N, C-alpha and C. Protein backbone atom coordinates (compact mmCIF):
# COMPACT_ATOMS: atom_id res chain seq x y z
N MET A 1 19.90 -24.30 -14.50
CA MET A 1 21.33 -24.51 -14.36
C MET A 1 22.10 -23.27 -14.84
N SER A 2 21.64 -22.65 -15.92
CA SER A 2 22.35 -21.49 -16.46
C SER A 2 22.30 -20.31 -15.51
N ILE A 3 21.14 -20.08 -14.92
CA ILE A 3 21.03 -18.98 -13.98
C ILE A 3 21.91 -19.24 -12.76
N GLU A 4 21.93 -20.48 -12.30
CA GLU A 4 22.77 -20.84 -11.15
C GLU A 4 24.25 -20.63 -11.49
N ASN A 5 24.67 -21.04 -12.69
CA ASN A 5 26.06 -20.82 -13.11
C ASN A 5 26.37 -19.33 -13.18
N GLN A 6 25.44 -18.55 -13.69
CA GLN A 6 25.64 -17.10 -13.78
C GLN A 6 25.81 -16.50 -12.38
N LYS A 7 24.99 -16.93 -11.44
CA LYS A 7 25.09 -16.43 -10.07
C LYS A 7 26.44 -16.81 -9.45
N ARG A 8 26.86 -18.06 -9.69
CA ARG A 8 28.15 -18.52 -9.15
C ARG A 8 29.30 -17.72 -9.76
N LEU A 9 29.23 -17.45 -11.06
CA LEU A 9 30.27 -16.68 -11.74
C LEU A 9 30.35 -15.27 -11.16
N LEU A 10 29.20 -14.60 -11.00
CA LEU A 10 29.20 -13.24 -10.47
C LEU A 10 29.69 -13.20 -9.02
N THR A 11 29.32 -14.20 -8.24
CA THR A 11 29.77 -14.27 -6.85
C THR A 11 31.29 -14.40 -6.79
N CYS A 12 31.85 -15.25 -7.62
CA CYS A 12 33.31 -15.44 -7.64
C CYS A 12 34.02 -14.17 -8.08
N ILE A 13 33.49 -13.51 -9.11
CA ILE A 13 34.13 -12.28 -9.60
C ILE A 13 34.07 -11.19 -8.54
N GLU A 14 32.89 -11.01 -7.92
CA GLU A 14 32.74 -9.97 -6.90
C GLU A 14 33.64 -10.22 -5.68
N ALA A 15 33.80 -11.49 -5.31
CA ALA A 15 34.60 -11.82 -4.13
C ALA A 15 36.09 -11.97 -4.45
N GLY A 16 36.43 -11.92 -5.74
CA GLY A 16 37.83 -12.08 -6.13
C GLY A 16 38.32 -13.50 -5.99
N LEU A 17 37.41 -14.47 -6.05
CA LEU A 17 37.76 -15.88 -5.92
C LEU A 17 38.01 -16.49 -7.30
N PRO A 18 38.75 -17.59 -7.36
CA PRO A 18 38.91 -18.26 -8.65
C PRO A 18 37.58 -18.86 -9.11
N ILE A 19 37.39 -18.87 -10.41
CA ILE A 19 36.14 -19.38 -10.99
C ILE A 19 36.23 -20.90 -11.06
N PRO A 20 35.20 -21.62 -10.54
CA PRO A 20 35.22 -23.08 -10.59
C PRO A 20 35.30 -23.59 -12.03
N GLY A 21 35.89 -24.76 -12.19
CA GLY A 21 36.11 -25.32 -13.52
C GLY A 21 34.83 -25.55 -14.32
N ASP A 22 33.77 -26.05 -13.66
CA ASP A 22 32.54 -26.31 -14.40
C ASP A 22 31.88 -25.02 -14.88
N VAL A 23 31.98 -23.96 -14.08
CA VAL A 23 31.41 -22.67 -14.48
C VAL A 23 32.23 -22.07 -15.63
N ALA A 24 33.54 -22.18 -15.53
CA ALA A 24 34.40 -21.67 -16.60
C ALA A 24 34.15 -22.42 -17.90
N ALA A 25 33.98 -23.73 -17.82
CA ALA A 25 33.71 -24.53 -19.01
C ALA A 25 32.37 -24.15 -19.64
N TRP A 26 31.36 -23.94 -18.79
CA TRP A 26 30.05 -23.51 -19.29
C TRP A 26 30.15 -22.17 -20.00
N TYR A 27 30.85 -21.24 -19.37
CA TYR A 27 30.98 -19.90 -19.93
C TYR A 27 31.75 -19.91 -21.25
N MET A 28 32.83 -20.66 -21.31
CA MET A 28 33.62 -20.73 -22.54
C MET A 28 32.86 -21.43 -23.66
N ALA A 29 32.09 -22.48 -23.32
CA ALA A 29 31.30 -23.16 -24.34
C ALA A 29 30.24 -22.22 -24.91
N ALA A 30 29.65 -21.40 -24.05
CA ALA A 30 28.65 -20.44 -24.52
C ALA A 30 29.27 -19.40 -25.43
N TRP A 31 30.44 -18.89 -25.07
CA TRP A 31 31.12 -17.92 -25.91
C TRP A 31 31.52 -18.54 -27.25
N ARG A 32 32.01 -19.77 -27.20
CA ARG A 32 32.40 -20.46 -28.43
C ARG A 32 31.19 -20.62 -29.35
N GLU A 33 30.05 -21.03 -28.78
CA GLU A 33 28.83 -21.18 -29.57
C GLU A 33 28.40 -19.83 -30.16
N HIS A 34 28.51 -18.78 -29.38
CA HIS A 34 28.15 -17.44 -29.84
C HIS A 34 29.01 -17.01 -31.03
N VAL A 35 30.30 -17.25 -30.94
CA VAL A 35 31.21 -16.85 -32.01
C VAL A 35 31.00 -17.70 -33.26
N GLU A 36 30.81 -19.01 -33.08
CA GLU A 36 30.68 -19.90 -34.23
C GLU A 36 29.33 -19.80 -34.93
N THR A 37 28.26 -19.59 -34.19
CA THR A 37 26.92 -19.61 -34.79
C THR A 37 26.29 -18.23 -34.93
N ASN A 38 26.91 -17.22 -34.31
CA ASN A 38 26.39 -15.85 -34.34
C ASN A 38 25.02 -15.73 -33.67
N LYS A 39 24.67 -16.69 -32.80
CA LYS A 39 23.44 -16.58 -32.02
C LYS A 39 23.65 -15.56 -30.92
N PRO A 40 22.58 -14.94 -30.42
CA PRO A 40 22.74 -14.00 -29.31
C PRO A 40 23.39 -14.68 -28.10
N LEU A 41 24.26 -13.96 -27.43
CA LEU A 41 24.99 -14.53 -26.30
C LEU A 41 24.05 -14.97 -25.19
N CYS A 42 22.95 -14.23 -24.98
CA CYS A 42 22.02 -14.62 -23.90
C CYS A 42 21.39 -15.98 -24.19
N LEU A 43 21.18 -16.32 -25.47
CA LEU A 43 20.67 -17.64 -25.81
C LEU A 43 21.73 -18.71 -25.56
N CYS A 44 22.95 -18.40 -25.95
CA CYS A 44 24.04 -19.37 -25.76
C CYS A 44 24.31 -19.63 -24.27
N LEU A 45 24.15 -18.59 -23.46
CA LEU A 45 24.35 -18.75 -22.02
C LEU A 45 23.15 -19.40 -21.35
N GLY A 46 22.05 -19.52 -22.08
CA GLY A 46 20.85 -20.12 -21.52
C GLY A 46 20.08 -19.18 -20.62
N LEU A 47 20.30 -17.88 -20.78
CA LEU A 47 19.65 -16.90 -19.93
C LEU A 47 18.33 -16.41 -20.52
N ARG A 48 18.08 -16.78 -21.75
CA ARG A 48 16.80 -16.43 -22.39
C ARG A 48 16.36 -17.64 -23.17
N GLY A 49 15.11 -17.98 -23.03
CA GLY A 49 14.60 -19.16 -23.70
C GLY A 49 14.45 -18.97 -25.19
N ALA A 50 14.83 -19.96 -25.95
CA ALA A 50 14.69 -19.88 -27.40
C ALA A 50 13.23 -19.99 -27.82
N GLY A 51 12.39 -20.61 -26.99
CA GLY A 51 11.01 -20.83 -27.37
C GLY A 51 10.05 -19.81 -26.82
N ILE A 52 10.55 -18.62 -26.51
CA ILE A 52 9.69 -17.64 -25.87
C ILE A 52 8.57 -17.16 -26.79
N ARG A 53 8.73 -17.30 -28.08
CA ARG A 53 7.72 -16.83 -29.02
C ARG A 53 6.81 -17.94 -29.51
N ARG A 54 6.93 -19.13 -28.95
CA ARG A 54 6.05 -20.21 -29.38
C ARG A 54 4.62 -19.91 -28.98
N ALA A 55 3.68 -20.49 -29.71
CA ALA A 55 2.26 -20.22 -29.48
C ALA A 55 1.84 -20.56 -28.05
N LYS A 56 2.35 -21.68 -27.52
CA LYS A 56 1.99 -22.08 -26.16
C LYS A 56 2.47 -21.04 -25.16
N ASN A 57 3.68 -20.55 -25.34
CA ASN A 57 4.22 -19.55 -24.42
C ASN A 57 3.47 -18.23 -24.53
N ARG A 58 3.13 -17.84 -25.76
CA ARG A 58 2.36 -16.60 -25.94
C ARG A 58 1.01 -16.72 -25.25
N GLU A 59 0.38 -17.89 -25.34
CA GLU A 59 -0.91 -18.11 -24.69
C GLU A 59 -0.76 -18.01 -23.16
N LEU A 60 0.30 -18.61 -22.62
CA LEU A 60 0.53 -18.52 -21.17
C LEU A 60 0.77 -17.08 -20.74
N LEU A 61 1.53 -16.34 -21.53
CA LEU A 61 1.80 -14.94 -21.19
C LEU A 61 0.52 -14.12 -21.22
N ARG A 62 -0.32 -14.35 -22.23
CA ARG A 62 -1.59 -13.63 -22.30
C ARG A 62 -2.48 -14.00 -21.10
N HIS A 63 -2.50 -15.28 -20.76
CA HIS A 63 -3.31 -15.74 -19.62
C HIS A 63 -2.81 -15.08 -18.33
N ARG A 64 -1.48 -15.05 -18.15
CA ARG A 64 -0.90 -14.42 -16.97
C ARG A 64 -1.28 -12.94 -16.92
N ASP A 65 -1.19 -12.26 -18.06
CA ASP A 65 -1.48 -10.83 -18.08
C ASP A 65 -2.94 -10.53 -17.78
N VAL A 66 -3.85 -11.38 -18.27
CA VAL A 66 -5.27 -11.21 -17.97
C VAL A 66 -5.51 -11.42 -16.47
N LEU A 67 -4.89 -12.46 -15.90
CA LEU A 67 -5.04 -12.70 -14.46
C LEU A 67 -4.46 -11.54 -13.65
N LEU A 68 -3.32 -11.00 -14.11
CA LEU A 68 -2.74 -9.85 -13.42
C LEU A 68 -3.69 -8.65 -13.46
N LYS A 69 -4.33 -8.46 -14.59
CA LYS A 69 -5.26 -7.33 -14.73
C LYS A 69 -6.44 -7.48 -13.78
N PHE A 70 -7.02 -8.68 -13.72
CA PHE A 70 -8.14 -8.90 -12.80
C PHE A 70 -7.69 -8.82 -11.34
N ALA A 71 -6.49 -9.35 -11.05
CA ALA A 71 -5.99 -9.30 -9.69
C ALA A 71 -5.75 -7.85 -9.27
N ALA A 72 -5.20 -7.04 -10.16
CA ALA A 72 -4.97 -5.63 -9.84
C ALA A 72 -6.28 -4.89 -9.63
N SER A 73 -7.28 -5.21 -10.44
CA SER A 73 -8.56 -4.51 -10.30
C SER A 73 -9.27 -4.88 -9.00
N SER A 74 -8.93 -6.04 -8.43
CA SER A 74 -9.57 -6.43 -7.17
C SER A 74 -8.72 -6.06 -5.96
N CYS A 75 -7.66 -5.25 -6.18
CA CYS A 75 -6.76 -4.88 -5.09
C CYS A 75 -7.21 -3.65 -4.32
N THR A 76 -8.30 -3.06 -4.65
CA THR A 76 -8.68 -1.82 -4.01
C THR A 76 -10.08 -1.88 -3.44
N GLN A 77 -10.27 -1.10 -2.41
CA GLN A 77 -11.60 -0.96 -1.82
C GLN A 77 -12.18 0.39 -2.19
N TYR A 78 -11.37 1.22 -2.85
CA TYR A 78 -11.78 2.58 -3.14
C TYR A 78 -12.05 2.74 -4.63
N PRO A 79 -13.23 3.20 -5.00
CA PRO A 79 -13.51 3.40 -6.42
C PRO A 79 -12.66 4.55 -6.97
N GLY A 80 -12.26 4.42 -8.19
CA GLY A 80 -11.50 5.47 -8.85
C GLY A 80 -10.02 5.49 -8.53
N GLU A 81 -9.52 4.47 -7.85
CA GLU A 81 -8.09 4.43 -7.55
C GLU A 81 -7.32 4.22 -8.84
N SER A 82 -6.15 4.84 -8.94
CA SER A 82 -5.39 4.79 -10.20
C SER A 82 -4.84 3.38 -10.45
N LEU A 83 -4.58 3.10 -11.71
CA LEU A 83 -4.01 1.81 -12.10
C LEU A 83 -2.64 1.62 -11.44
N TRP A 84 -1.87 2.70 -11.36
CA TRP A 84 -0.54 2.61 -10.75
C TRP A 84 -0.64 2.19 -9.28
N SER A 85 -1.57 2.76 -8.56
CA SER A 85 -1.76 2.42 -7.16
C SER A 85 -2.16 0.96 -7.00
N LYS A 86 -3.01 0.47 -7.89
CA LYS A 86 -3.40 -0.93 -7.86
C LYS A 86 -2.20 -1.83 -8.13
N CYS A 87 -1.35 -1.42 -9.07
CA CYS A 87 -0.15 -2.21 -9.39
C CYS A 87 0.81 -2.26 -8.19
N GLU A 88 0.94 -1.14 -7.48
CA GLU A 88 1.80 -1.13 -6.30
C GLU A 88 1.27 -2.08 -5.23
N THR A 89 -0.04 -2.07 -5.03
CA THR A 89 -0.64 -2.96 -4.04
C THR A 89 -0.46 -4.41 -4.42
N LEU A 90 -0.69 -4.73 -5.70
CA LEU A 90 -0.54 -6.11 -6.17
C LEU A 90 0.91 -6.56 -6.08
N ALA A 91 1.85 -5.69 -6.43
CA ALA A 91 3.28 -6.04 -6.33
C ALA A 91 3.65 -6.36 -4.90
N ASP A 92 3.13 -5.59 -3.96
CA ASP A 92 3.40 -5.85 -2.55
C ASP A 92 2.82 -7.20 -2.13
N MET A 93 1.62 -7.52 -2.60
CA MET A 93 1.01 -8.82 -2.29
C MET A 93 1.83 -9.97 -2.87
N ILE A 94 2.32 -9.79 -4.10
CA ILE A 94 3.10 -10.85 -4.76
C ILE A 94 4.41 -11.07 -4.02
N ARG A 95 5.07 -9.98 -3.62
CA ARG A 95 6.36 -10.12 -2.92
C ARG A 95 6.19 -10.79 -1.56
N ARG A 96 5.07 -10.56 -0.89
CA ARG A 96 4.86 -11.13 0.44
C ARG A 96 4.21 -12.50 0.40
N TRP A 97 3.78 -12.96 -0.75
CA TRP A 97 3.11 -14.24 -0.87
C TRP A 97 4.09 -15.36 -0.56
N PRO A 98 3.76 -16.45 0.09
CA PRO A 98 2.51 -16.82 0.73
C PRO A 98 2.45 -16.42 2.20
N ARG A 99 3.45 -15.63 2.65
CA ARG A 99 3.46 -15.26 4.07
C ARG A 99 2.26 -14.41 4.45
N SER A 100 1.81 -13.57 3.50
CA SER A 100 0.66 -12.73 3.82
C SER A 100 -0.61 -13.50 3.49
N LYS A 101 -1.57 -13.33 4.29
CA LYS A 101 -2.88 -13.95 4.03
C LYS A 101 -3.72 -12.93 3.26
N SER A 102 -3.40 -12.81 1.99
CA SER A 102 -4.08 -11.84 1.16
C SER A 102 -5.51 -12.28 0.87
N GLU A 103 -6.36 -11.30 0.73
CA GLU A 103 -7.74 -11.60 0.40
C GLU A 103 -7.96 -11.64 -1.10
N ASN A 104 -6.89 -11.47 -1.88
CA ASN A 104 -7.02 -11.49 -3.33
C ASN A 104 -7.14 -12.95 -3.78
N PRO A 105 -8.29 -13.36 -4.31
CA PRO A 105 -8.51 -14.76 -4.67
C PRO A 105 -7.72 -15.22 -5.90
N LEU A 106 -7.14 -14.29 -6.64
CA LEU A 106 -6.43 -14.67 -7.86
C LEU A 106 -4.96 -14.99 -7.64
N LEU A 107 -4.41 -14.63 -6.49
CA LEU A 107 -2.98 -14.90 -6.26
C LEU A 107 -2.62 -16.38 -6.33
N PRO A 108 -3.39 -17.29 -5.74
CA PRO A 108 -3.02 -18.70 -5.89
C PRO A 108 -2.99 -19.15 -7.35
N HIS A 109 -3.89 -18.63 -8.17
CA HIS A 109 -3.91 -18.99 -9.59
C HIS A 109 -2.70 -18.43 -10.32
N LEU A 110 -2.30 -17.22 -9.96
CA LEU A 110 -1.12 -16.62 -10.57
C LEU A 110 0.14 -17.41 -10.24
N PHE A 111 0.24 -17.84 -8.98
CA PHE A 111 1.44 -18.58 -8.58
C PHE A 111 1.44 -20.02 -9.08
N ASN A 112 0.32 -20.51 -9.55
CA ASN A 112 0.29 -21.86 -10.13
C ASN A 112 0.65 -21.87 -11.61
N LEU A 113 0.81 -20.70 -12.21
CA LEU A 113 1.21 -20.65 -13.62
C LEU A 113 2.67 -21.06 -13.76
N PRO A 114 3.01 -21.73 -14.86
CA PRO A 114 4.40 -22.19 -15.03
C PRO A 114 5.33 -21.12 -15.60
N ILE A 115 4.96 -19.85 -15.48
CA ILE A 115 5.82 -18.78 -15.98
C ILE A 115 6.05 -17.78 -14.85
N GLU A 116 7.05 -16.96 -15.04
CA GLU A 116 7.47 -16.02 -14.01
C GLU A 116 6.48 -14.87 -13.87
N LEU A 117 6.30 -14.43 -12.64
CA LEU A 117 5.44 -13.28 -12.36
C LEU A 117 6.31 -12.05 -12.17
N PRO A 118 5.84 -10.90 -12.64
CA PRO A 118 6.58 -9.67 -12.34
C PRO A 118 6.47 -9.37 -10.84
N GLN A 119 7.55 -8.91 -10.25
CA GLN A 119 7.59 -8.67 -8.81
C GLN A 119 7.46 -7.19 -8.45
N SER A 120 7.52 -6.32 -9.45
CA SER A 120 7.49 -4.89 -9.16
C SER A 120 6.24 -4.25 -9.74
N ALA A 121 5.92 -3.08 -9.22
CA ALA A 121 4.76 -2.34 -9.74
C ALA A 121 4.98 -1.96 -11.20
N VAL A 122 6.22 -1.62 -11.55
CA VAL A 122 6.52 -1.25 -12.94
C VAL A 122 6.29 -2.45 -13.86
N GLY A 123 6.76 -3.63 -13.44
CA GLY A 123 6.59 -4.82 -14.26
C GLY A 123 5.13 -5.19 -14.45
N ILE A 124 4.35 -5.05 -13.40
CA ILE A 124 2.92 -5.35 -13.51
C ILE A 124 2.24 -4.32 -14.39
N HIS A 125 2.57 -3.05 -14.16
CA HIS A 125 1.94 -1.97 -14.94
C HIS A 125 2.25 -2.12 -16.43
N ASP A 126 3.48 -2.49 -16.76
CA ASP A 126 3.85 -2.67 -18.17
C ASP A 126 3.02 -3.75 -18.85
N ARG A 127 2.59 -4.73 -18.08
CA ARG A 127 1.85 -5.84 -18.67
C ARG A 127 0.35 -5.62 -18.72
N ILE A 128 -0.17 -4.73 -17.88
CA ILE A 128 -1.63 -4.59 -17.85
C ILE A 128 -2.13 -3.21 -18.28
N LYS A 129 -1.21 -2.29 -18.54
CA LYS A 129 -1.68 -0.95 -18.93
C LYS A 129 -2.43 -1.04 -20.26
N PRO A 130 -3.42 -0.19 -20.42
CA PRO A 130 -4.16 -0.21 -21.68
C PRO A 130 -3.26 0.27 -22.82
N THR A 131 -3.30 -0.43 -23.90
CA THR A 131 -2.51 -0.02 -25.06
C THR A 131 -3.34 0.93 -25.89
N ARG A 132 -2.72 1.99 -26.29
CA ARG A 132 -3.42 2.98 -27.11
C ARG A 132 -2.84 2.91 -28.51
N ARG A 133 -3.56 2.26 -29.35
CA ARG A 133 -3.14 2.18 -30.75
C ARG A 133 -4.00 3.15 -31.54
N PRO A 134 -3.36 3.90 -32.40
CA PRO A 134 -4.16 4.83 -33.20
C PRO A 134 -5.04 4.06 -34.17
N PRO A 135 -6.19 4.60 -34.50
CA PRO A 135 -7.05 3.91 -35.46
C PRO A 135 -6.37 3.85 -36.82
N PRO A 136 -6.65 2.80 -37.58
CA PRO A 136 -6.01 2.72 -38.90
C PRO A 136 -6.50 3.85 -39.79
N LEU A 137 -5.56 4.46 -40.44
CA LEU A 137 -5.90 5.54 -41.37
C LEU A 137 -5.64 5.06 -42.79
N PHE A 138 -6.54 5.35 -43.63
CA PHE A 138 -6.40 4.94 -45.01
C PHE A 138 -5.83 6.11 -45.80
N THR A 139 -4.58 6.43 -45.50
CA THR A 139 -3.97 7.60 -46.12
C THR A 139 -3.75 7.42 -47.61
N GLU A 140 -3.63 6.17 -48.04
CA GLU A 140 -3.41 5.97 -49.47
C GLU A 140 -4.63 6.35 -50.29
N TYR A 141 -5.80 6.40 -49.64
CA TYR A 141 -7.03 6.76 -50.34
C TYR A 141 -7.40 8.23 -50.15
N ALA A 142 -6.68 8.92 -49.26
CA ALA A 142 -7.02 10.30 -48.96
C ALA A 142 -6.78 11.18 -50.19
N GLY A 143 -7.71 12.02 -50.47
CA GLY A 143 -7.56 12.97 -51.56
C GLY A 143 -7.95 12.42 -52.92
N ARG A 144 -8.32 11.17 -52.99
CA ARG A 144 -8.71 10.62 -54.29
C ARG A 144 -10.17 10.91 -54.57
N GLY A 145 -10.49 11.03 -55.77
CA GLY A 145 -11.88 11.21 -56.16
C GLY A 145 -12.37 12.63 -56.06
N LYS A 146 -11.46 13.58 -55.94
CA LYS A 146 -11.88 14.98 -55.87
C LYS A 146 -12.07 15.55 -57.23
């Protein structure tokens, strides 16, 4: 409902039309809640879920990212193709789904997840790129015992 109200509000503003009463009431209630409670405006508008950090949601996000990684790795017929190229191919498959008869067996599983899928190569790449964390350094012990 919040996303729909946001779309209706933007459409009215862009077209120079008067804002419908229910949309104006929703928007004013969100601003009032933001001012009174100091919560982020995106939460008050309902544009970002408050439970995004819950354990269940984190598990779903991890599951989605693992499926994306496997789906991207099965997007190529050529060995040694770059991760970026695989992400571009997968993004194209996701955007054309279900119209395209893709041979990627993981797409139906990705679309059955109850969370949003990234639609762009950048979004997919951000979720599946290898993270490079430096090894832990024990600097507090360095130089002791000399």
